[in-house]
């Protein structure tokens, strides 16, 4: 494997890791937002 190919592979791997991390963060954010919505809905029902 040439050096350029290895560098490209490393860049691809780091980009993939970044994408996975951002996707996981987005999933967590959506879950938190939906939990917030459920909690506020329950609070409204309780009133």
PDB file of N, CA and C in Angstrom:
ATOM      1  N   UNK A   1       0.853  -1.203   0.000  1.00  0.00           N
ATOM      2  CA  UNK A   1       0.000   0.000   0.000  1.00  0.00           C
ATOM      3  C   UNK A   1       0.882   1.244   0.000  1.00  0.00           C
ATOM      4  N   UNK A   2       0.625   2.146  -0.908  1.00  0.00           N
ATOM      5  CA  UNK A   2       1.430   3.367  -0.993  1.00  0.00           C
ATOM      6  C   UNK A   2       1.060   4.334   0.128  1.00  0.00           C
ATOM      7  N   UNK A   3       1.944   5.289   0.365  1.00  0.00           N
ATOM      8  CA  UNK A   3       1.730   6.254   1.451  1.00  0.00           C
ATOM      9  C   UNK A   3       0.480   7.093   1.191  1.00  0.00           C
ATOM     10  N   UNK A   4       0.287   7.469  -0.067  1.00  0.00           N
ATOM     11  CA  UNK A   4      -0.876   8.299  -0.401  1.00  0.00           C
ATOM     12  C   UNK A   4      -2.170   7.535  -0.127  1.00  0.00           C
ATOM     13  N   UNK A   5      -2.159   6.258  -0.491  1.00  0.00           N
ATOM     14  CA  UNK A   5      -3.336   5.415  -0.280  1.00  0.00           C
ATOM     15  C   UNK A   5      -3.617   5.274   1.222  1.00  0.00           C
ATOM     16  N   UNK A   6      -2.557   5.092   2.003  1.00  0.00           N
ATOM     17  CA  UNK A   6      -2.713   4.954   3.449  1.00  0.00           C
ATOM     18  C   UNK A   6      -3.268   6.239   4.053  1.00  0.00           C
ATOM     19  N   UNK A   7      -2.765   7.382   3.585  1.00  0.00           N
ATOM     20  CA  UNK A   7      -3.239   8.671   4.093  1.00  0.00           C
ATOM     21  C   UNK A   7      -4.714   8.865   3.748  1.00  0.00           C
ATOM     22  N   UNK A   8      -5.067   8.494   2.523  1.00  0.00           N
ATOM     23  CA  UNK A   8      -6.456   8.621   2.083  1.00  0.00           C
ATOM     24  C   UNK A   8      -7.358   7.730   2.939  1.00  0.00           C
ATOM     25  N   UNK A   9      -6.885   6.502   3.207  1.00  0.00           N
ATOM     26  CA  UNK A   9      -7.643   5.556   4.023  1.00  0.00           C
ATOM     27  C   UNK A   9      -7.854   6.105   5.432  1.00  0.00           C
ATOM     28  N   UNK A  10      -6.769   6.689   6.004  1.00  0.00           N
ATOM     29  CA  UNK A  10      -6.877   7.275   7.342  1.00  0.00           C
ATOM     30  C   UNK A  10      -7.892   8.408   7.351  1.00  0.00           C
ATOM     31  N   UNK A  11      -7.843   9.259   6.321  1.00  0.00           N
ATOM     32  CA  UNK A  11      -8.780  10.381   6.232  1.00  0.00           C
ATOM     33  C   UNK A  11     -10.216   9.861   6.143  1.00  0.00           C
ATOM     34  N   UNK A  12     -10.407   8.815   5.326  1.00  0.00           N
ATOM     35  CA  UNK A  12     -11.740   8.234   5.184  1.00  0.00           C
ATOM     36  C   UNK A  12     -12.229   7.680   6.519  1.00  0.00           C
ATOM     37  N   UNK A  13     -11.340   6.995   7.218  1.00  0.00           N
ATOM     38  CA  UNK A  13     -11.702   6.407   8.515  1.00  0.00           C
ATOM     39  C   UNK A  13     -12.090   7.493   9.515  1.00  0.00           C
ATOM     40  N   UNK A  14     -11.302   8.567   9.579  1.00  0.00           N
ATOM     41  CA  UNK A  14     -11.596   9.637  10.534  1.00  0.00           C
ATOM     42  C   UNK A  14     -12.911  10.328  10.160  1.00  0.00           C
ATOM     43  N   UNK A  15     -13.150  10.487   8.846  1.00  0.00           N
ATOM     44  CA  UNK A  15     -14.399  11.099   8.392  1.00  0.00           C
ATOM     45  C   UNK A  15     -15.580  10.223   8.791  1.00  0.00           C
ATOM     46  N   UNK A  16     -15.413   8.894   8.631  1.00  0.00           N
ATOM     47  CA  UNK A  16     -16.464   7.948   8.989  1.00  0.00           C
ATOM     48  C   UNK A  16     -16.742   8.015  10.494  1.00  0.00           C
ATOM     49  N   UNK A  17     -15.670   8.092  11.299  1.00  0.00           N
ATOM     50  CA  UNK A  17     -15.835   8.191  12.751  1.00  0.00           C
ATOM     51  C   UNK A  17     -16.596   9.465  13.106  1.00  0.00           C
ATOM     52  N   UNK A  18     -16.228  10.580  12.447  1.00  0.00           N
ATOM     53  CA  UNK A  18     -16.892  11.848  12.693  1.00  0.00           C
ATOM     54  C   UNK A  18     -18.378  11.733  12.376  1.00  0.00           C
ATOM     55  N   UNK A  19     -18.666  11.088  11.225  1.00  0.00           N
ATOM     56  CA  UNK A  19     -20.058  10.922  10.793  1.00  0.00           C
ATOM     57  C   UNK A  19     -20.834  10.087  11.811  1.00  0.00           C
ATOM     58  N   UNK A  20     -20.212   8.990  12.283  1.00  0.00           N
ATOM     59  CA  UNK A  20     -20.868   8.121  13.259  1.00  0.00           C
ATOM     60  C   UNK A  20     -21.143   8.876  14.554  1.00  0.00           C
ATOM     61  N   UNK A  21     -20.159   9.640  15.007  1.00  0.00           N
ATOM     62  CA  UNK A  21     -20.320  10.406  16.251  1.00  0.00           C
ATOM     63  C   UNK A  21     -21.447  11.424  16.105  1.00  0.00           C
ATOM     64  N   UNK A  22     -21.472  12.145  14.981  1.00  0.00           N
ATOM     65  CA  UNK A  22     -22.512  13.158  14.783  1.00  0.00           C
ATOM     66  C   UNK A  22     -23.886  12.496  14.675  1.00  0.00           C
ATOM     67  N   UNK A  23     -23.946  11.324  14.029  1.00  0.00           N
ATOM     68  CA  UNK A  23     -25.219  10.612  13.905  1.00  0.00           C
ATOM     69  C   UNK A  23     -25.711  10.166  15.281  1.00  0.00           C
ATOM     70  N   UNK A  24     -24.767   9.685  16.112  1.00  0.00           N
ATOM     71  CA  UNK A  24     -25.138   9.247  17.454  1.00  0.00           C
ATOM     72  C   UNK A  24     -25.633  10.436  18.280  1.00  0.00           C
ATOM     73  N   UNK A  25     -24.940  11.580  18.133  1.00  0.00           N
ATOM     74  CA  UNK A  25     -25.352  12.791  18.853  1.00  0.00           C
ATOM     75  C   UNK A  25     -26.751  13.208  18.415  1.00  0.00           C
ATOM     76  N   UNK A  26     -27.013  13.130  17.111  1.00  0.00           N
ATOM     77  CA  UNK A  26     -28.326  13.513  16.592  1.00  0.00           C
ATOM     78  C   UNK A  26     -29.403  12.581  17.147  1.00  0.00           C
ATOM     79  N   UNK A  27     -29.092  11.290  17.225  1.00  0.00           N
ATOM     80  CA  UNK A  27     -30.057  10.320  17.749  1.00  0.00           C
ATOM     81  C   UNK A  27     -30.352  10.608  19.222  1.00  0.00           C
ATOM     82  N   UNK A  28     -29.284  10.890  19.986  1.00  0.00           N
ATOM     83  CA  UNK A  28     -29.453  11.222  21.406  1.00  0.00           C
ATOM     84  C   UNK A  28     -30.307  12.473  21.552  1.00  0.00           C
ATOM     85  N   UNK A  29     -30.006  13.486  20.704  1.00  0.00           N
ATOM     86  CA  UNK A  29     -30.735  14.755  20.772  1.00  0.00           C
ATOM     87  C   UNK A  29     -32.217  14.534  20.489  1.00  0.00           C
ATOM     88  N   UNK A  30     -32.516  13.723  19.449  1.00  0.00           N
ATOM     89  CA  UNK A  30     -33.912  13.429  19.118  1.00  0.00           C
ATOM     90  C   UNK A  30     -34.604  12.717  20.280  1.00  0.00           C
ATOM     91  N   UNK A  31     -33.907  11.750  20.900  1.00  0.00           N
ATOM     92  CA  UNK A  31     -34.492  11.004  22.018  1.00  0.00           C
ATOM     93  C   UNK A  31     -34.791  11.946  23.180  1.00  0.00           C
ATOM     94  N   UNK A  32     -33.835  12.843  23.470  1.00  0.00           N
ATOM     95  CA  UNK A  32     -34.035  13.800  24.559  1.00  0.00           C
ATOM     96  C   UNK A  32     -35.216  14.714  24.255  1.00  0.00           C
ATOM     97  N   UNK A  33     -35.297  15.193  23.022  1.00  0.00           N
ATOM     98  CA  UNK A  33     -36.385  16.092  22.644  1.00  0.00           C
ATOM     99  C   UNK A  33     -37.741  15.383  22.761  1.00  0.00           C
ATOM    100  N   UNK A  34     -37.805  14.117  22.330  1.00  0.00           N
ATOM    101  CA  UNK A  34     -39.073  13.391  22.395  1.00  0.00           C
ATOM    102  C   UNK A  34     -39.456  13.125  23.853  1.00  0.00           C
ATOM    103  N   UNK A  35     -38.445  12.816  24.690  1.00  0.00           N
ATOM    104  CA  UNK A  35     -38.716  12.620  26.117  1.00  0.00           C
ATOM    105  C   UNK A  35     -39.250  13.911  26.722  1.00  0.00           C
ATOM    106  N   UNK A  36     -38.654  15.035  26.307  1.00  0.00           N
ATOM    107  CA  UNK A  36     -39.096  16.342  26.780  1.00  0.00           C
ATOM    108  C   UNK A  36     -40.550  16.574  26.382  1.00  0.00           C
ATOM    109  N   UNK A  37     -40.862  16.222  25.128  1.00  0.00           N
ATOM    110  CA  UNK A  37     -42.220  16.390  24.634  1.00  0.00           C
ATOM    111  C   UNK A  37     -43.203  15.521  25.410  1.00  0.00           C
ATOM    112  N   UNK A  38     -42.813  14.276  25.694  1.00  0.00           N
ATOM    113  CA  UNK A  38     -43.664  13.363  26.460  1.00  0.00           C
ATOM    114  C   UNK A  38     -43.882  13.907  27.870  1.00  0.00           C
ATOM    115  N   UNK A  39     -42.798  14.396  28.483  1.00  0.00           N
ATOM    116  CA  UNK A  39     -42.889  14.934  29.845  1.00  0.00           C
ATOM    117  C   UNK A  39     -43.814  16.146  29.880  1.00  0.00           C
ATOM    118  N   UNK A  40     -43.680  17.044  28.902  1.00  0.00           N
ATOM    119  CA  UNK A  40     -44.531  18.239  28.884  1.00  0.00           C
ATOM    120  C   UNK A  40     -45.979  17.841  28.606  1.00  0.00           C
ATOM    121  N   UNK A  41     -46.174  16.805  27.783  1.00  0.00           N
ATOM    122  CA  UNK A  41     -47.519  16.319  27.501  1.00  0.00           C
ATOM    123  C   UNK A  41     -48.167  15.761  28.761  1.00  0.00           C
ATOM    124  N   UNK A  42     -47.392  14.988  29.532  1.00  0.00           N
ATOM    125  CA  UNK A  42     -47.902  14.437  30.787  1.00  0.00           C
ATOM    126  C   UNK A  42     -48.216  15.559  31.765  1.00  0.00           C
ATOM    127  N   UNK A  43     -47.346  16.579  31.796  1.00  0.00           N
ATOM    128  CA  UNK A  43     -47.578  17.721  32.683  1.00  0.00           C
ATOM    129  C   UNK A  43     -48.865  18.439  32.305  1.00  0.00           C
ATOM    130  N   UNK A  44     -49.114  18.575  30.997  1.00  0.00           N
ATOM    131  CA  UNK A  44     -50.329  19.244  30.532  1.00  0.00           C
ATOM    132  C   UNK A  44     -51.553  18.408  30.911  1.00  0.00           C
ATOM    133  N   UNK A  45     -51.429  17.073  30.805  1.00  0.00           N
ATOM    134  CA  UNK A  45     -52.543  16.195  31.168  1.00  0.00           C
ATOM    135  C   UNK A  45     -52.843  16.305  32.659  1.00  0.00           C
ATOM    136  N   UNK A  46     -51.775  16.426  33.456  1.00  0.00           N
ATOM    137  CA  UNK A  46     -51.945  16.479  34.900  1.00  0.00           C
ATOM    138  C   UNK A  46     -52.670  17.762  35.314  1.00  0.00           C
ATOM    139  N   UNK A  47     -52.424  18.856  34.551  1.00  0.00           N
ATOM    140  CA  UNK A  47     -53.104  20.103  34.866  1.00  0.00           C
ATOM    141  C   UNK A  47     -54.545  19.950  34.517  1.00  0.00           C
TER     142      UNK A  47
END
